[in-house]
Amino acid sequence: MTATKIGYARCSTDGQDLTAQKQALEKLGVTTDRIYTDQGLTGTSRARPGLDQAIAAVREGDTFVVPKLDRLARSVPDARAIADQLEAKGVKLALGASVYDPTDPIGKMFFNILATFAEFEADLIRMQTREGMAIARAKGKLRGKQPKLSNKQQKELCRMHGTGDYSISDLAEVFSVSRPTIYQTLNRNQT
């Protein structure tokens, strides 16, 4: 049985490109048919089909390769859990060109430091996003999801509903919106 390198690449948004990560994995000796990916999925979410497939593909003696630790996980507990899962399967974890050795105290410390930085970076991104949204909201540029119906349509919908001649389904059909939208509009316009 020969050892295989299984690669994993991830980017958080659909607009990002995985090419650089795939090329890095190929330079590290992973063949293209052994690279698993997740696109548009954050590293803080453990529900990542590509990661699950990659972990399922590795066998004892194989090496699981990621270009950088933050592509694998964005929290210390998640990074630890994945590393432990791989170790239990007898699989080595390579972070770039460095193979993580869980039995080496220095390697273990280095892994935990990298995982802490990945988590810290994710926390910074979340904080900056919240700050940016608060500033936009204060300037009136972030108003949330707009109603599907104009004020005039909402008034007419309420008037029609008030007559008792139209069911919720009838109103949804007339205004070309869903039933939940009708209920939300009625709740929002109660006086």
C-alpha atoms as a PDB file:
ATOM      1  CA  MET A   1       0.000   0.000   0.000  1.00  0.00           C
ATOM      2  CA  THR A   2       1.487   3.349  -1.049  1.00  0.00           C
ATOM      3  CA  ALA A   3       0.944   6.562   0.829  1.00  0.00           C
ATOM      4  CA  THR A   4      -1.105   9.198  -0.973  1.00  0.00           C
ATOM      5  CA  LYS A   5      -1.285  12.943  -0.565  1.00  0.00           C
ATOM      6  CA  ILE A   6      -4.837  14.264  -0.326  1.00  0.00           C
ATOM      7  CA  GLY A   7      -5.255  18.037  -0.667  1.00  0.00           C
ATOM      8  CA  TYR A   8      -7.904  20.428   0.553  1.00  0.00           C
ATOM      9  CA  ALA A   9      -8.545  24.027  -0.534  1.00  0.00           C
ATOM     10  CA  ARG A  10     -11.254  26.439   0.594  1.00  0.00           C
ATOM     11  CA  CYS A  11     -12.365  29.991  -0.033  1.00  0.00           C
ATOM     12  CA  SER A  12     -15.099  31.860   1.805  1.00  0.00           C
ATOM     13  CA  THR A  13     -16.984  33.420  -1.104  1.00  0.00           C
ATOM     14  CA  ASP A  14     -18.106  32.294  -4.532  1.00  0.00           C
ATOM     15  CA  GLY A  15     -16.261  35.270  -6.041  1.00  0.00           C
ATOM     16  CA  GLN A  16     -12.864  34.097  -4.808  1.00  0.00           C
ATOM     17  CA  ASP A  17     -10.660  31.829  -6.907  1.00  0.00           C
ATOM     18  CA  LEU A  18      -9.141  28.551  -5.746  1.00  0.00           C
ATOM     19  CA  THR A  19      -6.474  28.458  -8.495  1.00  0.00           C
ATOM     20  CA  ALA A  20      -3.577  29.685  -6.314  1.00  0.00           C
ATOM     21  CA  GLN A  21      -4.385  27.168  -3.574  1.00  0.00           C
ATOM     22  CA  LYS A  22      -4.696  24.315  -6.080  1.00  0.00           C
ATOM     23  CA  GLN A  23      -1.360  25.265  -7.637  1.00  0.00           C
ATOM     24  CA  ALA A  24       0.251  25.372  -4.185  1.00  0.00           C
ATOM     25  CA  LEU A  25      -1.116  21.896  -3.447  1.00  0.00           C
ATOM     26  CA  GLU A  26       0.199  20.568  -6.766  1.00  0.00           C
ATOM     27  CA  LYS A  27       3.660  21.998  -5.959  1.00  0.00           C
ATOM     28  CA  LEU A  28       3.455  20.130  -2.651  1.00  0.00           C
ATOM     29  CA  GLY A  29       2.950  16.868  -4.561  1.00  0.00           C
ATOM     30  CA  VAL A  30      -0.839  16.497  -4.553  1.00  0.00           C
ATOM     31  CA  THR A  31      -2.240  15.311  -7.887  1.00  0.00           C
ATOM     32  CA  THR A  32      -5.203  17.294  -9.265  1.00  0.00           C
ATOM     33  CA  ASP A  33      -7.577  14.332  -8.916  1.00  0.00           C
ATOM     34  CA  ARG A  34      -6.769  14.209  -5.175  1.00  0.00           C
ATOM     35  CA  ILE A  35      -7.650  17.854  -4.420  1.00  0.00           C
ATOM     36  CA  TYR A  36     -10.978  18.451  -2.675  1.00  0.00           C
ATOM     37  CA  THR A  37     -12.461  21.927  -2.451  1.00  0.00           C
ATOM     38  CA  ASP A  38     -15.137  24.028  -0.818  1.00  0.00           C
ATOM     39  CA  GLN A  39     -16.071  27.351  -2.368  1.00  0.00           C
ATOM     40  CA  GLY A  40     -18.306  29.908  -0.725  1.00  0.00           C
ATOM     41  CA  LEU A  41     -18.070  28.227   2.674  1.00  0.00           C
ATOM     42  CA  THR A  42     -16.494  29.867   5.692  1.00  0.00           C
ATOM     43  CA  GLY A  43     -13.820  28.150   7.737  1.00  0.00           C
ATOM     44  CA  THR A  44     -15.867  28.694  10.893  1.00  0.00           C
ATOM     45  CA  SER A  45     -18.562  26.363   9.562  1.00  0.00           C
ATOM     46  CA  ARG A  46     -17.861  22.667  10.066  1.00  0.00           C
ATOM     47  CA  ALA A  47     -20.487  21.747   7.450  1.00  0.00           C
ATOM     48  CA  ARG A  48     -18.155  21.598   4.452  1.00  0.00           C
ATOM     49  CA  PRO A  49     -18.793  18.763   1.971  1.00  0.00           C
ATOM     50  CA  GLY A  50     -15.366  19.040   0.299  1.00  0.00           C
ATOM     51  CA  LEU A  51     -13.598  18.716   3.651  1.00  0.00           C
ATOM     52  CA  ASP A  52     -15.758  15.747   4.594  1.00  0.00           C
ATOM     53  CA  GLN A  53     -14.935  14.059   1.260  1.00  0.00           C
ATOM     54  CA  ALA A  54     -11.209  14.736   1.697  1.00  0.00           C
ATOM     55  CA  ILE A  55     -11.192  13.276   5.217  1.00  0.00           C
ATOM     56  CA  ALA A  56     -13.144  10.255   3.969  1.00  0.00           C
ATOM     57  CA  ALA A  57     -10.605   9.768   1.153  1.00  0.00           C
ATOM     58  CA  VAL A  58      -7.510   9.526   3.377  1.00  0.00           C
ATOM     59  CA  ARG A  59      -6.278   6.168   4.580  1.00  0.00           C
ATOM     60  CA  GLU A  60      -3.747   5.171   7.200  1.00  0.00           C
ATOM     61  CA  GLY A  61      -0.281   6.322   6.147  1.00  0.00           C
ATOM     62  CA  ASP A  62      -1.593   9.066   3.815  1.00  0.00           C
ATOM     63  CA  THR A  63      -0.843  12.760   4.204  1.00  0.00           C
ATOM     64  CA  PHE A  64      -3.608  15.359   4.335  1.00  0.00           C
ATOM     65  CA  VAL A  65      -2.252  18.578   2.804  1.00  0.00           C
ATOM     66  CA  VAL A  66      -3.582  22.149   3.134  1.00  0.00           C
ATOM     67  CA  PRO A  67      -1.788  25.219   1.765  1.00  0.00           C
ATOM     68  CA  LYS A  68      -2.272  27.064   5.096  1.00  0.00           C
ATOM     69  CA  LEU A  69      -3.983  26.180   8.355  1.00  0.00           C
ATOM     70  CA  ASP A  70      -6.594  28.945   7.981  1.00  0.00           C
ATOM     71  CA  ARG A  71      -7.924  27.116   4.893  1.00  0.00           C
ATOM     72  CA  LEU A  72      -8.660  24.111   7.114  1.00  0.00           C
ATOM     73  CA  ALA A  73     -10.170  25.811  10.172  1.00  0.00           C
ATOM     74  CA  ARG A  74     -10.801  29.241  11.661  1.00  0.00           C
ATOM     75  CA  SER A  75     -11.050  28.204  15.289  1.00  0.00           C
ATOM     76  CA  VAL A  76      -8.700  26.419  17.665  1.00  0.00           C
ATOM     77  CA  PRO A  77     -11.268  23.778  18.718  1.00  0.00           C
ATOM     78  CA  ASP A  78     -12.147  22.995  15.080  1.00  0.00           C
ATOM     79  CA  ALA A  79      -8.484  22.789  14.006  1.00  0.00           C
ATOM     80  CA  ARG A  80      -7.762  20.552  17.004  1.00  0.00           C
ATOM     81  CA  ALA A  81     -10.769  18.306  16.244  1.00  0.00           C
ATOM     82  CA  ILE A  82      -9.775  17.868  12.591  1.00  0.00           C
ATOM     83  CA  ALA A  83      -6.132  17.187  13.504  1.00  0.00           C
ATOM     84  CA  ASP A  84      -7.240  14.643  16.121  1.00  0.00           C
ATOM     85  CA  GLN A  85      -9.588  12.981  13.606  1.00  0.00           C
ATOM     86  CA  LEU A  86      -6.735  12.650  11.095  1.00  0.00           C
ATOM     87  CA  GLU A  87      -4.352  11.378  13.777  1.00  0.00           C
ATOM     88  CA  ALA A  88      -6.891   8.732  14.835  1.00  0.00           C
ATOM     89  CA  LYS A  89      -6.963   7.498  11.233  1.00  0.00           C
ATOM     90  CA  GLY A  90      -3.152   7.315  11.159  1.00  0.00           C
ATOM     91  CA  VAL A  91      -2.937  10.216   8.699  1.00  0.00           C
ATOM     92  CA  LYS A  92      -0.244  12.922   8.729  1.00  0.00           C
ATOM     93  CA  LEU A  93      -1.264  16.580   8.431  1.00  0.00           C
ATOM     94  CA  ALA A  94       0.882  18.847   6.256  1.00  0.00           C
ATOM     95  CA  LEU A  95       0.472  22.611   6.602  1.00  0.00           C
ATOM     96  CA  GLY A  96       2.151  23.792   3.442  1.00  0.00           C
ATOM     97  CA  ALA A  97       5.526  22.040   3.309  1.00  0.00           C
ATOM     98  CA  SER A  98       5.609  21.380   7.084  1.00  0.00           C
ATOM     99  CA  VAL A  99       4.233  18.101   8.378  1.00  0.00           C
ATOM    100  CA  TYR A 100       2.548  18.483  11.758  1.00  0.00           C
ATOM    101  CA  ASP A 101       3.693  15.903  14.287  1.00  0.00           C
ATOM    102  CA  PRO A 102       1.182  15.622  17.161  1.00  0.00           C
ATOM    103  CA  THR A 103       3.670  13.624  19.249  1.00  0.00           C
ATOM    104  CA  ASP A 104       6.260  16.431  19.167  1.00  0.00           C
ATOM    105  CA  PRO A 105       5.596  19.032  21.908  1.00  0.00           C
ATOM    106  CA  ILE A 106       7.079  21.848  19.796  1.00  0.00           C
ATOM    107  CA  GLY A 107       5.054  20.781  16.747  1.00  0.00           C
ATOM    108  CA  LYS A 108       1.919  20.649  18.868  1.00  0.00           C
ATOM    109  CA  MET A 109       2.596  24.117  20.283  1.00  0.00           C
ATOM    110  CA  PHE A 110       3.297  25.520  16.802  1.00  0.00           C
ATOM    111  CA  PHE A 111       0.046  24.032  15.484  1.00  0.00           C
ATOM    112  CA  ASN A 112      -1.927  25.566  18.360  1.00  0.00           C
ATOM    113  CA  ILE A 113      -0.298  28.966  17.773  1.00  0.00           C
ATOM    114  CA  LEU A 114      -1.203  28.835  14.067  1.00  0.00           C
ATOM    115  CA  ALA A 115      -4.767  27.832  14.939  1.00  0.00           C
ATOM    116  CA  THR A 116      -4.973  30.718  17.432  1.00  0.00           C
ATOM    117  CA  PHE A 117      -3.850  33.182  14.746  1.00  0.00           C
ATOM    118  CA  ALA A 118      -6.411  31.775  12.279  1.00  0.00           C
ATOM    119  CA  GLU A 119      -9.155  32.200  14.889  1.00  0.00           C
ATOM    120  CA  PHE A 120      -7.919  35.694  15.763  1.00  0.00           C
ATOM    121  CA  GLU A 121      -7.982  36.687  12.085  1.00  0.00           C
ATOM    122  CA  ALA A 122     -11.562  35.403  11.694  1.00  0.00           C
ATOM    123  CA  ASP A 123     -12.605  37.332  14.823  1.00  0.00           C
ATOM    124  CA  LEU A 124     -11.004  40.514  13.429  1.00  0.00           C
ATOM    125  CA  ILE A 125     -12.870  40.122  10.135  1.00  0.00           C
ATOM    126  CA  ARG A 126     -16.179  39.681  11.995  1.00  0.00           C
ATOM    127  CA  MET A 127     -15.474  42.717  14.198  1.00  0.00           C
ATOM    128  CA  GLN A 128     -14.546  44.899  11.204  1.00  0.00           C
ATOM    129  CA  THR A 129     -17.666  43.771   9.353  1.00  0.00           C
ATOM    130  CA  ARG A 130     -19.883  44.645  12.330  1.00  0.00           C
ATOM    131  CA  GLU A 131     -18.168  48.051  12.668  1.00  0.00           C
ATOM    132  CA  GLY A 132     -18.595  48.752   8.962  1.00  0.00           C
ATOM    133  CA  MET A 133     -22.271  47.802   9.109  1.00  0.00           C
ATOM    134  CA  ALA A 134     -22.813  50.032  12.168  1.00  0.00           C
ATOM    135  CA  ILE A 135     -21.222  52.997  10.355  1.00  0.00           C
ATOM    136  CA  ALA A 136     -23.287  52.346   7.218  1.00  0.00           C
ATOM    137  CA  ARG A 137     -26.444  52.029   9.332  1.00  0.00           C
ATOM    138  CA  ALA A 138     -25.648  55.330  11.114  1.00  0.00           C
ATOM    139  CA  LYS A 139     -25.250  57.027   7.729  1.00  0.00           C
ATOM    140  CA  GLY A 140     -28.561  55.551   6.568  1.00  0.00           C
ATOM    141  CA  LYS A 141     -26.900  53.416   3.917  1.00  0.00           C
ATOM    142  CA  LEU A 142     -27.765  50.064   5.496  1.00  0.00           C
ATOM    143  CA  ARG A 143     -31.480  49.725   5.972  1.00  0.00           C
ATOM    144  CA  GLY A 144     -31.931  45.991   5.900  1.00  0.00           C
ATOM    145  CA  LYS A 145     -34.143  44.065   3.560  1.00  0.00           C
ATOM    146  CA  GLN A 146     -36.699  46.266   1.817  1.00  0.00           C
ATOM    147  CA  PRO A 147     -40.383  45.252   1.710  1.00  0.00           C
ATOM    148  CA  LYS A 148     -41.462  43.481  -1.481  1.00  0.00           C
ATOM    149  CA  LEU A 149     -44.488  45.752  -1.822  1.00  0.00           C
ATOM    150  CA  SER A 150     -44.530  49.532  -2.114  1.00  0.00           C
ATOM    151  CA  ASN A 151     -46.379  51.614   0.507  1.00  0.00           C
ATOM    152  CA  LYS A 152     -49.258  52.058  -1.936  1.00  0.00           C
ATOM    153  CA  GLN A 153     -49.460  48.291  -2.569  1.00  0.00           C
ATOM    154  CA  GLN A 154     -49.325  47.581   1.169  1.00  0.00           C
ATOM    155  CA  LYS A 155     -52.242  49.962   1.825  1.00  0.00           C
ATOM    156  CA  GLU A 156     -54.267  48.378  -0.982  1.00  0.00           C
ATOM    157  CA  LEU A 157     -53.484  44.884   0.298  1.00  0.00           C
ATOM    158  CA  CYS A 158     -54.652  45.854   3.807  1.00  0.00           C
ATOM    159  CA  ARG A 159     -57.795  47.476   2.379  1.00  0.00           C
ATOM    160  CA  MET A 160     -58.597  44.361   0.326  1.00  0.00           C
ATOM    161  CA  HIS A 161     -57.955  42.075   3.302  1.00  0.00           C
ATOM    162  CA  GLY A 162     -60.173  44.263   5.486  1.00  0.00           C
ATOM    163  CA  THR A 163     -63.162  43.704   3.177  1.00  0.00           C
ATOM    164  CA  GLY A 164     -63.124  39.992   3.997  1.00  0.00           C
ATOM    165  CA  ASP A 165     -63.603  39.164   0.304  1.00  0.00           C
ATOM    166  CA  TYR A 166     -60.044  37.930  -0.250  1.00  0.00           C
ATOM    167  CA  SER A 167     -58.218  35.027   1.353  1.00  0.00           C
ATOM    168  CA  ILE A 168     -54.493  35.137   2.086  1.00  0.00           C
ATOM    169  CA  SER A 169     -53.926  32.899  -0.958  1.00  0.00           C
ATOM    170  CA  ASP A 170     -55.992  35.256  -3.144  1.00  0.00           C
ATOM    171  CA  LEU A 171     -53.942  38.251  -2.000  1.00  0.00           C
ATOM    172  CA  ALA A 172     -50.679  36.381  -2.577  1.00  0.00           C
ATOM    173  CA  GLU A 173     -51.781  35.622  -6.135  1.00  0.00           C
ATOM    174  CA  VAL A 174     -53.015  39.179  -6.851  1.00  0.00           C
ATOM    175  CA  PHE A 175     -49.789  40.794  -5.596  1.00  0.00           C
ATOM    176  CA  SER A 176     -47.479  38.018  -6.892  1.00  0.00           C
ATOM    177  CA  VAL A 177     -45.848  37.438  -3.512  1.00  0.00           C
ATOM    178  CA  SER A 178     -45.710  34.540  -1.059  1.00  0.00           C
ATOM    179  CA  ARG A 179     -48.225  33.926   1.703  1.00  0.00           C
ATOM    180  CA  PRO A 180     -45.609  34.753   4.399  1.00  0.00           C
ATOM    181  CA  THR A 181     -45.113  38.138   2.708  1.00  0.00           C
ATOM    182  CA  ILE A 182     -48.871  38.782   2.972  1.00  0.00           C
ATOM    183  CA  TYR A 183     -48.824  37.909   6.696  1.00  0.00           C
ATOM    184  CA  GLN A 184     -45.759  40.101   7.285  1.00  0.00           C
ATOM    185  CA  THR A 185     -47.362  43.020   5.456  1.00  0.00           C
ATOM    186  CA  LEU A 186     -50.587  42.679   7.456  1.00  0.00           C
ATOM    187  CA  ASN A 187     -48.659  42.467  10.755  1.00  0.00           C
ATOM    188  CA  ARG A 188     -46.504  45.458   9.852  1.00  0.00           C
ATOM    189  CA  ASN A 189     -49.527  47.609   8.955  1.00  0.00           C
ATOM    190  CA  GLN A 190     -51.783  46.834  11.924  1.00  0.00           C
ATOM    191  CA  THR A 191     -53.097  49.953  13.617  1.00  0.00           C
END
